[in-house]
Amino acid sequence: YIDQVATITKPHVEKVRVVLKPYTRKVVHIYRKSLKSATTYHHQIQVTVKETLKKYELTKALATKELVWFAASAILAVPILFVLQLLAPIFRKKPRKSPQGTHANHAPRRPKRRHADK
């Protein structure tokens, strides 16, 4: 079935590819540029972390390639995550507040009908 789906969707995929081509060029260019700068910063941070770990007798044994890479990644990622945590409540859709004393699963109660003769 996969071959049939591929042959059926091929003309549609080609049309979409032609329409999106100018945009994908820009996206790929920006992605490569940001990846290059992130790689540069990551390498600089790795060098700094490795030098700092090797500076002290207690941490010399910890200055492995893997730990240095992980620490540099964390140093780059933590500020971004912190900013996202700060901005998330601003852009989050606010939930509707239910009236006090009612449960979320129950519909609001209708008043009882009273007889006119009473």
PDB file of N, CA and C in Angstrom:
ATOM      1  N   TYR A   1       0.812  -1.206   0.000  1.00  0.00           N
ATOM      2  CA  TYR A   1       0.000   0.000   0.000  1.00  0.00           C
ATOM      3  C   TYR A   1       0.853   1.266   0.000  1.00  0.00           C
ATOM      4  N   ILE A   2       2.037   1.167   0.536  1.00  0.00           N
ATOM      5  CA  ILE A   2       2.898   2.346   0.624  1.00  0.00           C
ATOM      6  C   ILE A   2       3.279   2.832  -0.767  1.00  0.00           C
ATOM      7  N   ASP A   3       3.560   1.906  -1.682  1.00  0.00           N
ATOM      8  CA  ASP A   3       3.903   2.298  -3.049  1.00  0.00           C
ATOM      9  C   ASP A   3       2.723   2.976  -3.736  1.00  0.00           C
ATOM     10  N   GLN A   4       1.526   2.472  -3.498  1.00  0.00           N
ATOM     11  CA  GLN A   4       0.335   3.079  -4.097  1.00  0.00           C
ATOM     12  C   GLN A   4       0.120   4.491  -3.561  1.00  0.00           C
ATOM     13  N   VAL A   5       0.273   4.652  -2.263  1.00  0.00           N
ATOM     14  CA  VAL A   5       0.113   5.979  -1.661  1.00  0.00           C
ATOM     15  C   VAL A   5       1.175   6.929  -2.209  1.00  0.00           C
ATOM     16  N   ALA A   6       2.385   6.441  -2.369  1.00  0.00           N
ATOM     17  CA  ALA A   6       3.465   7.283  -2.890  1.00  0.00           C
ATOM     18  C   ALA A   6       3.175   7.732  -4.315  1.00  0.00           C
ATOM     19  N   THR A   7       2.683   6.826  -5.160  1.00  0.00           N
ATOM     20  CA  THR A   7       2.402   7.203  -6.550  1.00  0.00           C
ATOM     21  C   THR A   7       1.203   8.145  -6.637  1.00  0.00           C
ATOM     22  N   ILE A   8       0.222   7.954  -5.763  1.00  0.00           N
ATOM     23  CA  ILE A   8      -0.963   8.821  -5.793  1.00  0.00           C
ATOM     24  C   ILE A   8      -0.624  10.228  -5.308  1.00  0.00           C
ATOM     25  N   THR A   9       0.183  10.321  -4.288  1.00  0.00           N
ATOM     26  CA  THR A   9       0.468  11.632  -3.696  1.00  0.00           C
ATOM     27  C   THR A   9       1.626  12.368  -4.358  1.00  0.00           C
ATOM     28  N   LYS A  10       2.369  11.712  -5.236  1.00  0.00           N
ATOM     29  CA  LYS A  10       3.556  12.327  -5.840  1.00  0.00           C
ATOM     30  C   LYS A  10       3.254  13.646  -6.550  1.00  0.00           C
ATOM     31  N   PRO A  11       2.220  13.749  -7.401  1.00  0.00           N
ATOM     32  CA  PRO A  11       1.975  15.043  -8.057  1.00  0.00           C
ATOM     33  C   PRO A  11       1.626  16.154  -7.062  1.00  0.00           C
ATOM     34  N   HIS A  12       0.909  15.802  -6.012  1.00  0.00           N
ATOM     35  CA  HIS A  12       0.526  16.802  -5.018  1.00  0.00           C
ATOM     36  C   HIS A  12       1.743  17.279  -4.225  1.00  0.00           C
ATOM     37  N   VAL A  13       2.601  16.347  -3.897  1.00  0.00           N
ATOM     38  CA  VAL A  13       3.821  16.696  -3.160  1.00  0.00           C
ATOM     39  C   VAL A  13       4.705  17.595  -4.014  1.00  0.00           C
ATOM     40  N   GLU A  14       4.786  17.307  -5.312  1.00  0.00           N
ATOM     41  CA  GLU A  14       5.596  18.135  -6.206  1.00  0.00           C
ATOM     42  C   GLU A  14       5.044  19.554  -6.293  1.00  0.00           C
ATOM     43  N   LYS A  15       3.714  19.695  -6.355  1.00  0.00           N
ATOM     44  CA  LYS A  15       3.102  21.027  -6.397  1.00  0.00           C
ATOM     45  C   LYS A  15       3.420  21.806  -5.126  1.00  0.00           C
ATOM     46  N   VAL A  16       3.309  21.141  -3.997  1.00  0.00           N
ATOM     47  CA  VAL A  16       3.605  21.796  -2.720  1.00  0.00           C
ATOM     48  C   VAL A  16       5.073  22.181  -2.654  1.00  0.00           C
ATOM     49  N   ARG A  17       5.929  21.318  -3.138  1.00  0.00           N
ATOM     50  CA  ARG A  17       7.370  21.590  -3.125  1.00  0.00           C
ATOM     51  C   ARG A  17       7.692  22.818  -3.977  1.00  0.00           C
ATOM     52  N   VAL A  18       7.046  22.945  -5.145  1.00  0.00           N
ATOM     53  CA  VAL A  18       7.287  24.092  -6.020  1.00  0.00           C
ATOM     54  C   VAL A  18       6.797  25.378  -5.353  1.00  0.00           C
ATOM     55  N   VAL A  19       5.634  25.312  -4.715  1.00  0.00           N
ATOM     56  CA  VAL A  19       5.075  26.499  -4.067  1.00  0.00           C
ATOM     57  C   VAL A  19       5.939  26.937  -2.884  1.00  0.00           C
ATOM     58  N   LEU A  20       6.442  25.994  -2.123  1.00  0.00           N
ATOM     59  CA  LEU A  20       7.197  26.312  -0.910  1.00  0.00           C
ATOM     60  C   LEU A  20       8.688  26.537  -1.142  1.00  0.00           C
ATOM     61  N   LYS A  21       9.166  26.342  -2.365  1.00  0.00           N
ATOM     62  CA  LYS A  21      10.607  26.414  -2.622  1.00  0.00           C
ATOM     63  C   LYS A  21      11.240  27.743  -2.203  1.00  0.00           C
ATOM     64  N   PRO A  22      10.649  28.917  -2.530  1.00  0.00           N
ATOM     65  CA  PRO A  22      11.302  30.163  -2.094  1.00  0.00           C
ATOM     66  C   PRO A  22      11.378  30.283  -0.572  1.00  0.00           C
ATOM     67  N   TYR A  23      10.385  29.766   0.113  1.00  0.00           N
ATOM     68  CA  TYR A  23      10.382  29.860   1.573  1.00  0.00           C
ATOM     69  C   TYR A  23      11.362  28.881   2.196  1.00  0.00           C
ATOM     70  N   THR A  24      11.466  27.696   1.604  1.00  0.00           N
ATOM     71  CA  THR A  24      12.376  26.707   2.177  1.00  0.00           C
ATOM     72  C   THR A  24      13.827  27.153   2.028  1.00  0.00           C
ATOM     73  N   ARG A  25      14.140  27.873   0.978  1.00  0.00           N
ATOM     74  CA  ARG A  25      15.506  28.392   0.827  1.00  0.00           C
ATOM     75  C   ARG A  25      15.848  29.324   1.984  1.00  0.00           C
ATOM     76  N   LYS A  26      14.920  30.224   2.301  1.00  0.00           N
ATOM     77  CA  LYS A  26      15.157  31.161   3.398  1.00  0.00           C
ATOM     78  C   LYS A  26      15.284  30.426   4.725  1.00  0.00           C
ATOM     79  N   VAL A  27      14.411  29.455   4.933  1.00  0.00           N
ATOM     80  CA  VAL A  27      14.436  28.698   6.184  1.00  0.00           C
ATOM     81  C   VAL A  27      15.742  27.924   6.313  1.00  0.00           C
ATOM     82  N   VAL A  28      16.167  27.284   5.242  1.00  0.00           N
ATOM     83  CA  VAL A  28      17.417  26.516   5.275  1.00  0.00           C
ATOM     84  C   VAL A  28      18.601  27.447   5.514  1.00  0.00           C
ATOM     85  N   HIS A  29      18.588  28.613   4.891  1.00  0.00           N
ATOM     86  CA  HIS A  29      19.679  29.572   5.085  1.00  0.00           C
ATOM     87  C   HIS A  29      19.744  30.034   6.543  1.00  0.00           C
ATOM     88  N   ILE A  30      18.607  30.385   7.110  1.00  0.00           N
ATOM     89  CA  ILE A  30      18.566  30.830   8.508  1.00  0.00           C
ATOM     90  C   ILE A  30      18.952  29.689   9.441  1.00  0.00           C
ATOM     91  N   TYR A  31      18.493  28.475   9.127  1.00  0.00           N
ATOM     92  CA  TYR A  31      18.837  27.318   9.963  1.00  0.00           C
ATOM     93  C   TYR A  31      20.344  27.077   9.956  1.00  0.00           C
ATOM     94  N   ARG A  32      20.957  27.110   8.787  1.00  0.00           N
ATOM     95  CA  ARG A  32      22.411  26.893   8.704  1.00  0.00           C
ATOM     96  C   ARG A  32      23.174  27.978   9.459  1.00  0.00           C
ATOM     97  N   LYS A  33      22.718  29.218   9.306  1.00  0.00           N
ATOM     98  CA  LYS A  33      23.379  30.333   9.975  1.00  0.00           C
ATOM     99  C   LYS A  33      23.287  30.192  11.494  1.00  0.00           C
ATOM    100  N   SER A  34      22.101  29.865  11.998  1.00  0.00           N
ATOM    101  CA  SER A  34      21.933  29.715  13.448  1.00  0.00           C
ATOM    102  C   SER A  34      22.674  28.482  13.959  1.00  0.00           C
ATOM    103  N   LEU A  35      22.705  27.413  13.186  1.00  0.00           N
ATOM    104  CA  LEU A  35      23.438  26.214  13.591  1.00  0.00           C
ATOM    105  C   LEU A  35      24.937  26.496  13.667  1.00  0.00           C
ATOM    106  N   LYS A  36      25.439  27.271  12.719  1.00  0.00           N
ATOM    107  CA  LYS A  36      26.860  27.615  12.725  1.00  0.00           C
ATOM    108  C   LYS A  36      27.212  28.450  13.953  1.00  0.00           C
ATOM    109  N   SER A  37      26.376  29.437  14.272  1.00  0.00           N
ATOM    110  CA  SER A  37      26.671  30.271  15.441  1.00  0.00           C
ATOM    111  C   SER A  37      26.522  29.475  16.729  1.00  0.00           C
ATOM    112  N   ALA A  38      25.524  28.602  16.809  1.00  0.00           N
ATOM    113  CA  ALA A  38      25.357  27.775  18.010  1.00  0.00           C
ATOM    114  C   ALA A  38      26.540  26.830  18.182  1.00  0.00           C
ATOM    115  N   THR A  39      27.030  26.274  17.081  1.00  0.00           N
ATOM    116  CA  THR A  39      28.194  25.387  17.148  1.00  0.00           C
ATOM    117  C   THR A  39      29.426  26.148  17.624  1.00  0.00           C
ATOM    118  N   THR A  40      29.590  27.365  17.140  1.00  0.00           N
ATOM    119  CA  THR A  40      30.728  28.188  17.562  1.00  0.00           C
ATOM    120  C   THR A  40      30.665  28.474  19.058  1.00  0.00           C
ATOM    121  N   TYR A  41      29.486  28.914  19.533  1.00  0.00           N
ATOM    122  CA  TYR A  41      29.328  29.195  20.963  1.00  0.00           C
ATOM    123  C   TYR A  41      29.530  27.937  21.794  1.00  0.00           C
ATOM    124  N   HIS A  42      29.006  26.820  21.318  1.00  0.00           N
ATOM    125  CA  HIS A  42      29.129  25.562  22.053  1.00  0.00           C
ATOM    126  C   HIS A  42      30.599  25.168  22.185  1.00  0.00           C
ATOM    127  N   HIS A  43      31.350  25.328  21.118  1.00  0.00           N
ATOM    128  CA  HIS A  43      32.775  24.992  21.163  1.00  0.00           C
ATOM    129  C   HIS A  43      33.519  25.905  22.140  1.00  0.00           C
ATOM    130  N   GLN A  44      33.202  27.202  22.112  1.00  0.00           N
ATOM    131  CA  GLN A  44      33.843  28.143  23.034  1.00  0.00           C
ATOM    132  C   GLN A  44      33.533  27.788  24.488  1.00  0.00           C
ATOM    133  N   ILE A  45      32.296  27.436  24.759  1.00  0.00           N
ATOM    134  CA  ILE A  45      31.906  27.072  26.124  1.00  0.00           C
ATOM    135  C   ILE A  45      32.585  25.771  26.537  1.00  0.00           C
ATOM    136  N   GLN A  46      32.709  24.821  25.608  1.00  0.00           N
ATOM    137  CA  GLN A  46      33.402  23.567  25.924  1.00  0.00           C
ATOM    138  C   GLN A  46      34.843  23.833  26.344  1.00  0.00           C
ATOM    139  N   VAL A  47      35.523  24.708  25.620  1.00  0.00           N
ATOM    140  CA  VAL A  47      36.912  25.035  25.952  1.00  0.00           C
ATOM    141  C   VAL A  47      36.984  25.663  27.342  1.00  0.00           C
ATOM    142  N   THR A  48      36.069  26.587  27.628  1.00  0.00           N
ATOM    143  CA  THR A  48      36.065  27.254  28.932  1.00  0.00           C
ATOM    144  C   THR A  48      35.782  26.271  30.056  1.00  0.00           C
ATOM    145  N   VAL A  49      34.802  25.389  29.862  1.00  0.00           N
ATOM    146  CA  VAL A  49      34.457  24.408  30.898  1.00  0.00           C
ATOM    147  C   VAL A  49      35.626  23.459  31.134  1.00  0.00           C
ATOM    148  N   LYS A  50      36.252  23.005  30.062  1.00  0.00           N
ATOM    149  CA  LYS A  50      37.378  22.073  30.205  1.00  0.00           C
ATOM    150  C   LYS A  50      38.539  22.730  30.950  1.00  0.00           C
ATOM    151  N   GLU A  51      38.842  23.987  30.609  1.00  0.00           N
ATOM    152  CA  GLU A  51      39.911  24.702  31.308  1.00  0.00           C
ATOM    153  C   GLU A  51      39.577  24.883  32.786  1.00  0.00           C
ATOM    154  N   THR A  52      38.321  25.207  33.072  1.00  0.00           N
ATOM    155  CA  THR A  52      37.907  25.412  34.460  1.00  0.00           C
ATOM    156  C   THR A  52      37.988  24.114  35.246  1.00  0.00           C
ATOM    157  N   LEU A  53      37.567  23.008  34.649  1.00  0.00           N
ATOM    158  CA  LEU A  53      37.629  21.725  35.352  1.00  0.00           C
ATOM    159  C   LEU A  53      39.072  21.280  35.584  1.00  0.00           C
ATOM    160  N   LYS A  54      39.939  21.538  34.624  1.00  0.00           N
ATOM    161  CA  LYS A  54      41.339  21.107  34.761  1.00  0.00           C
ATOM    162  C   LYS A  54      42.133  22.014  35.705  1.00  0.00           C
ATOM    163  N   LYS A  55      41.586  23.163  36.008  1.00  0.00           N
ATOM    164  CA  LYS A  55      42.281  24.120  36.856  1.00  0.00           C
ATOM    165  C   LYS A  55      42.402  23.622  38.299  1.00  0.00           C
ATOM    166  N   TYR A  56      41.424  22.843  38.745  1.00  0.00           N
ATOM    167  CA  TYR A  56      41.390  22.410  40.143  1.00  0.00           C
ATOM    168  C   TYR A  56      41.701  20.917  40.248  1.00  0.00           C
ATOM    169  N   GLU A  57      42.423  20.575  41.278  1.00  0.00           N
ATOM    170  CA  GLU A  57      42.855  19.187  41.487  1.00  0.00           C
ATOM    171  C   GLU A  57      41.658  18.251  41.668  1.00  0.00           C
ATOM    172  N   LEU A  58      40.637  18.732  42.359  1.00  0.00           N
ATOM    173  CA  LEU A  58      39.466  17.909  42.661  1.00  0.00           C
ATOM    174  C   LEU A  58      38.658  17.565  41.401  1.00  0.00           C
ATOM    175  N   THR A  59      38.621  18.466  40.437  1.00  0.00           N
ATOM    176  CA  THR A  59      37.789  18.264  39.246  1.00  0.00           C
ATOM    177  C   THR A  59      38.572  17.824  38.008  1.00  0.00           C
ATOM    178  N   LYS A  60      39.863  17.606  38.135  1.00  0.00           N
ATOM    179  CA  LYS A  60      40.661  17.184  36.970  1.00  0.00           C
ATOM    180  C   LYS A  60      40.163  15.871  36.379  1.00  0.00           C
ATOM    181  N   ALA A  61      39.783  14.944  37.236  1.00  0.00           N
ATOM    182  CA  ALA A  61      39.324  13.634  36.757  1.00  0.00           C
ATOM    183  C   ALA A  61      37.978  13.731  36.044  1.00  0.00           C
ATOM    184  N   LEU A  62      37.208  14.785  36.325  1.00  0.00           N
ATOM    185  CA  LEU A  62      35.891  14.942  35.705  1.00  0.00           C
ATOM    186  C   LEU A  62      35.952  15.595  34.324  1.00  0.00           C
ATOM    187  N   ALA A  63      37.093  16.058  33.913  1.00  0.00           N
ATOM    188  CA  ALA A  63      37.220  16.798  32.655  1.00  0.00           C
ATOM    189  C   ALA A  63      37.231  15.861  31.448  1.00  0.00           C
ATOM    190  N   THR A  64      36.217  15.022  31.347  1.00  0.00           N
ATOM    191  CA  THR A  64      36.109  14.127  30.194  1.00  0.00           C
ATOM    192  C   THR A  64      35.377  14.837  29.056  1.00  0.00           C
ATOM    193  N   LYS A  65      35.519  14.300  27.876  1.00  0.00           N
ATOM    194  CA  LYS A  65      34.898  14.879  26.686  1.00  0.00           C
ATOM    195  C   LYS A  65      33.369  14.909  26.822  1.00  0.00           C
ATOM    196  N   GLU A  66      32.800  13.824  27.354  1.00  0.00           N
ATOM    197  CA  GLU A  66      31.347  13.715  27.468  1.00  0.00           C
ATOM    198  C   GLU A  66      30.783  14.710  28.472  1.00  0.00           C
ATOM    199  N   LEU A  67      31.423  14.811  29.639  1.00  0.00           N
ATOM    200  CA  LEU A  67      30.931  15.730  30.663  1.00  0.00           C
ATOM    201  C   LEU A  67      31.070  17.176  30.203  1.00  0.00           C
ATOM    202  N   VAL A  68      32.164  17.489  29.547  1.00  0.00           N
ATOM    203  CA  VAL A  68      32.367  18.849  29.043  1.00  0.00           C
ATOM    204  C   VAL A  68      31.297  19.185  28.012  1.00  0.00           C
ATOM    205  N   TRP A  69      30.994  18.253  27.120  1.00  0.00           N
ATOM    206  CA  TRP A  69      29.955  18.482  26.106  1.00  0.00           C
ATOM    207  C   TRP A  69      28.598  18.686  26.766  1.00  0.00           C
ATOM    208  N   PHE A  70      28.276  17.832  27.750  1.00  0.00           N
ATOM    209  CA  PHE A  70      26.990  17.932  28.434  1.00  0.00           C
ATOM    210  C   PHE A  70      26.875  19.250  29.193  1.00  0.00           C
ATOM    211  N   ALA A  71      27.934  19.648  29.885  1.00  0.00           N
ATOM    212  CA  ALA A  71      27.910  20.899  30.646  1.00  0.00           C
ATOM    213  C   ALA A  71      27.754  22.100  29.714  1.00  0.00           C
ATOM    214  N   ALA A  72      28.437  22.082  28.584  1.00  0.00           N
ATOM    215  CA  ALA A  72      28.310  23.183  27.623  1.00  0.00           C
ATOM    216  C   ALA A  72      26.895  23.245  27.056  1.00  0.00           C
ATOM    217  N   SER A  73      26.311  22.094  26.791  1.00  0.00           N
ATOM    218  CA  SER A  73      24.930  22.060  26.294  1.00  0.00           C
ATOM    219  C   SER A  73      23.970  22.615  27.332  1.00  0.00           C
ATOM    220  N   ALA A  74      24.176  22.246  28.586  1.00  0.00           N
ATOM    221  CA  ALA A  74      23.311  22.740  29.656  1.00  0.00           C
ATOM    222  C   ALA A  74      23.464  24.247  29.825  1.00  0.00           C
ATOM    223  N   ILE A  75      24.683  24.731  29.741  1.00  0.00           N
ATOM    224  CA  ILE A  75      24.914  26.171  29.883  1.00  0.00           C
ATOM    225  C   ILE A  75      24.225  26.941  28.762  1.00  0.00           C
ATOM    226  N   LEU A  76      24.180  26.379  27.571  1.00  0.00           N
ATOM    227  CA  LEU A  76      23.474  27.036  26.467  1.00  0.00           C
ATOM    228  C   LEU A  76      21.958  26.914  26.599  1.00  0.00           C
ATOM    229  N   ALA A  77      21.471  25.784  27.091  1.00  0.00           N
ATOM    230  CA  ALA A  77      20.032  25.523  27.093  1.00  0.00           C
ATOM    231  C   ALA A  77      19.302  26.140  28.279  1.00  0.00           C
ATOM    232  N   VAL A  78      19.931  26.203  29.433  1.00  0.00           N
ATOM    233  CA  VAL A  78      19.233  26.665  30.643  1.00  0.00           C
ATOM    234  C   VAL A  78      18.701  28.091  30.502  1.00  0.00           C
ATOM    235  N   PRO A  79      19.462  29.056  29.993  1.00  0.00           N
ATOM    236  CA  PRO A  79      18.879  30.398  29.853  1.00  0.00           C
ATOM    237  C   PRO A  79      17.677  30.438  28.909  1.00  0.00           C
ATOM    238  N   ILE A  80      17.721  29.648  27.853  1.00  0.00           N
ATOM    239  CA  ILE A  80      16.596  29.608  26.915  1.00  0.00           C
ATOM    240  C   ILE A  80      15.365  29.032  27.600  1.00  0.00           C
ATOM    241  N   LEU A  81      15.544  27.950  28.345  1.00  0.00           N
ATOM    242  CA  LEU A  81      14.420  27.356  29.069  1.00  0.00           C
ATOM    243  C   LEU A  81      13.882  28.308  30.129  1.00  0.00           C
ATOM    244  N   PHE A  82      14.754  29.050  30.781  1.00  0.00           N
ATOM    245  CA  PHE A  82      14.333  30.011  31.793  1.00  0.00           C
ATOM    246  C   PHE A  82      13.460  31.100  31.174  1.00  0.00           C
ATOM    247  N   VAL A  83      13.871  31.623  30.031  1.00  0.00           N
ATOM    248  CA  VAL A  83      13.087  32.657  29.349  1.00  0.00           C
ATOM    249  C   VAL A  83      11.743  32.092  28.904  1.00  0.00           C
ATOM    250  N   LEU A  84      11.729  30.864  28.408  1.00  0.00           N
ATOM    251  CA  LEU A  84      10.464  30.240  28.008  1.00  0.00           C
ATOM    252  C   LEU A  84       9.525  30.078  29.196  1.00  0.00           C
ATOM    253  N   GLN A  85      10.073  29.712  30.356  1.00  0.00           N
ATOM    254  CA  GLN A  85       9.251  29.578  31.561  1.00  0.00           C
ATOM    255  C   GLN A  85       8.681  30.930  31.981  1.00  0.00           C
ATOM    256  N   LEU A  86       9.440  31.995  31.787  1.00  0.00           N
ATOM    257  CA  LEU A  86       8.935  33.323  32.125  1.00  0.00           C
ATOM    258  C   LEU A  86       7.855  33.787  31.156  1.00  0.00           C
ATOM    259  N   LEU A  87       8.014  33.462  29.887  1.00  0.00           N
ATOM    260  CA  LEU A  87       7.073  33.933  28.873  1.00  0.00           C
ATOM    261  C   LEU A  87       5.834  33.059  28.730  1.00  0.00           C
ATOM    262  N   ALA A  88       5.890  31.823  29.171  1.00  0.00           N
ATOM    263  CA  ALA A  88       4.766  30.898  28.993  1.00  0.00           C
ATOM    264  C   ALA A  88       3.478  31.406  29.632  1.00  0.00           C
ATOM    265  N   PRO A  89       3.486  31.901  30.860  1.00  0.00           N
ATOM    266  CA  PRO A  89       2.224  32.377  31.440  1.00  0.00           C
ATOM    267  C   PRO A  89       1.647  33.582  30.713  1.00  0.00           C
ATOM    268  N   ILE A  90       2.482  34.359  30.071  1.00  0.00           N
ATOM    269  CA  ILE A  90       1.992  35.546  29.371  1.00  0.00           C
ATOM    270  C   ILE A  90       1.164  35.148  28.155  1.00  0.00           C
ATOM    271  N   PHE A  91       1.622  34.162  27.418  1.00  0.00           N
ATOM    272  CA  PHE A  91       0.964  33.780  26.175  1.00  0.00           C
ATOM    273  C   PHE A  91       0.015  32.601  26.315  1.00  0.00           C
ATOM    274  N   ARG A  92      -0.082  32.039  27.510  1.00  0.00           N
ATOM    275  CA  ARG A  92      -0.958  30.892  27.723  1.00  0.00           C
ATOM    276  C   ARG A  92      -2.409  31.349  27.717  1.00  0.00           C
ATOM    277  N   LYS A  93      -3.268  30.537  27.168  1.00  0.00           N
ATOM    278  CA  LYS A  93      -4.690  30.819  27.162  1.00  0.00           C
ATOM    279  C   LYS A  93      -5.216  30.609  28.570  1.00  0.00           C
ATOM    280  N   LYS A  94      -5.898  31.601  29.086  1.00  0.00           N
ATOM    281  CA  LYS A  94      -6.372  31.519  30.457  1.00  0.00           C
ATOM    282  C   LYS A  94      -7.598  30.608  30.534  1.00  0.00           C
ATOM    283  N   PRO A  95      -7.622  29.676  31.494  1.00  0.00           N
ATOM    284  CA  PRO A  95      -8.772  28.778  31.618  1.00  0.00           C
ATOM    285  C   PRO A  95      -9.983  29.517  32.186  1.00  0.00           C
ATOM    286  N   ARG A  96     -11.156  29.047  31.811  1.00  0.00           N
ATOM    287  CA  ARG A  96     -12.387  29.625  32.352  1.00  0.00           C
ATOM    288  C   ARG A  96     -12.525  29.223  33.803  1.00  0.00           C
ATOM    289  N   LYS A  97     -12.886  30.179  34.626  1.00  0.00           N
ATOM    290  CA  LYS A  97     -13.074  29.882  36.039  1.00  0.00           C
ATOM    291  C   LYS A  97     -14.511  29.431  36.245  1.00  0.00           C
ATOM    292  N   SER A  98     -14.656  28.317  36.954  1.00  0.00           N
ATOM    293  CA  SER A  98     -15.997  27.828  37.236  1.00  0.00           C
ATOM    294  C   SER A  98     -16.524  28.545  38.473  1.00  0.00           C
ATOM    295  N   PRO A  99     -17.837  28.673  38.588  1.00  0.00           N
ATOM    296  CA  PRO A  99     -18.400  29.306  39.782  1.00  0.00           C
ATOM    297  C   PRO A  99     -18.042  28.508  41.031  1.00  0.00           C
ATOM    298  N   GLN A 100     -17.885  29.199  42.131  1.00  0.00           N
ATOM    299  CA  GLN A 100     -17.488  28.517  43.356  1.00  0.00           C
ATOM    300  C   GLN A 100     -18.608  27.629  43.863  1.00  0.00           C
ATOM    301  N   GLY A 101     -18.226  26.509  44.427  1.00  0.00           N
ATOM    302  CA  GLY A 101     -19.202  25.590  44.998  1.00  0.00           C
ATOM    303  C   GLY A 101     -19.730  24.572  44.014  1.00  0.00           C
ATOM    304  N   THR A 102     -19.367  24.656  42.753  1.00  0.00           N
ATOM    305  CA  THR A 102     -19.838  23.671  41.779  1.00  0.00           C
ATOM    306  C   THR A 102     -18.671  22.808  41.345  1.00  0.00           C
ATOM    307  N   HIS A 103     -19.002  21.640  40.884  1.00  0.00           N
ATOM    308  CA  HIS A 103     -17.979  20.730  40.391  1.00  0.00           C
ATOM    309  C   HIS A 103     -17.879  20.868  38.882  1.00  0.00           C
ATOM    310  N   ALA A 104     -16.725  20.578  38.354  1.00  0.00           N
ATOM    311  CA  ALA A 104     -16.479  20.759  36.926  1.00  0.00           C
ATOM    312  C   ALA A 104     -17.296  19.791  36.072  1.00  0.00           C
ATOM    313  N   ASN A 105     -17.639  18.623  36.613  1.00  0.00           N
ATOM    314  CA  ASN A 105     -18.330  17.612  35.817  1.00  0.00           C
ATOM    315  C   ASN A 105     -19.850  17.748  35.852  1.00  0.00           C
ATOM    316  N   HIS A 106     -20.378  18.624  36.681  1.00  0.00           N
ATOM    317  CA  HIS A 106     -21.822  18.746  36.824  1.00  0.00           C
ATOM    318  C   HIS A 106     -22.324  20.008  36.136  1.00  0.00           C
ATOM    319  N   ALA A 107     -23.481  19.885  35.511  1.00  0.00           N
ATOM    320  CA  ALA A 107     -24.105  21.034  34.876  1.00  0.00           C
ATOM    321  C   ALA A 107     -24.728  21.917  35.961  1.00  0.00           C
ATOM    322  N   PRO A 108     -24.940  23.199  35.671  1.00  0.00           N
ATOM    323  CA  PRO A 108     -25.561  24.058  36.683  1.00  0.00           C
ATOM    324  C   PRO A 108     -26.981  23.584  37.001  1.00  0.00           C
ATOM    325  N   ARG A 109     -27.365  23.719  38.237  1.00  0.00           N
ATOM    326  CA  ARG A 109     -28.667  23.236  38.687  1.00  0.00           C
ATOM    327  C   ARG A 109     -29.776  24.183  38.276  1.00  0.00           C
ATOM    328  N   ARG A 110     -30.880  23.608  37.812  1.00  0.00           N
ATOM    329  CA  ARG A 110     -32.047  24.417  37.469  1.00  0.00           C
ATOM    330  C   ARG A 110     -32.896  24.601  38.709  1.00  0.00           C
ATOM    331  N   PRO A 111     -33.513  25.758  38.862  1.00  0.00           N
ATOM    332  CA  PRO A 111     -34.364  25.954  40.048  1.00  0.00           C
ATOM    333  C   PRO A 111     -35.597  25.062  39.977  1.00  0.00           C
ATOM    334  N   LYS A 112     -36.104  24.683  41.138  1.00  0.00           N
ATOM    335  CA  LYS A 112     -37.307  23.848  41.187  1.00  0.00           C
ATOM    336  C   LYS A 112     -38.516  24.668  40.767  1.00  0.00           C
ATOM    337  N   ARG A 113     -39.471  23.973  40.125  1.00  0.00           N
ATOM    338  CA  ARG A 113     -40.712  24.650  39.744  1.00  0.00           C
ATOM    339  C   ARG A 113     -41.658  24.625  40.936  1.00  0.00           C
ATOM    340  N   ARG A 114     -42.235  25.724  41.208  1.00  0.00           N
ATOM    341  CA  ARG A 114     -43.172  25.825  42.335  1.00  0.00           C
ATOM    342  C   ARG A 114     -44.598  25.885  41.790  1.00  0.00           C
ATOM    343  N   HIS A 115     -45.492  25.283  42.528  1.00  0.00           N
ATOM    344  CA  HIS A 115     -46.901  25.330  42.126  1.00  0.00           C
ATOM    345  C   HIS A 115     -47.469  26.696  42.456  1.00  0.00           C
ATOM    346  N   ALA A 116     -48.320  27.196  41.595  1.00  0.00           N
ATOM    347  CA  ALA A 116     -48.890  28.530  41.771  1.00  0.00           C
ATOM    348  C   ALA A 116     -49.868  28.580  42.942  1.00  0.00           C
ATOM    349  N   ASP A 117     -50.523  27.459  43.275  1.00  0.00           N
ATOM    350  CA  ASP A 117     -51.535  27.480  44.328  1.00  0.00           C
ATOM    351  C   ASP A 117     -50.922  27.442  45.726  1.00  0.00           C
ATOM    352  N   LYS A 118     -49.673  27.190  45.882  1.00  0.00           N
ATOM    353  CA  LYS A 118     -49.064  27.133  47.213  1.00  0.00           C
ATOM    354  C   LYS A 118     -48.513  28.434  47.640  1.00  0.00           C
TER     355      LYS A 118
END
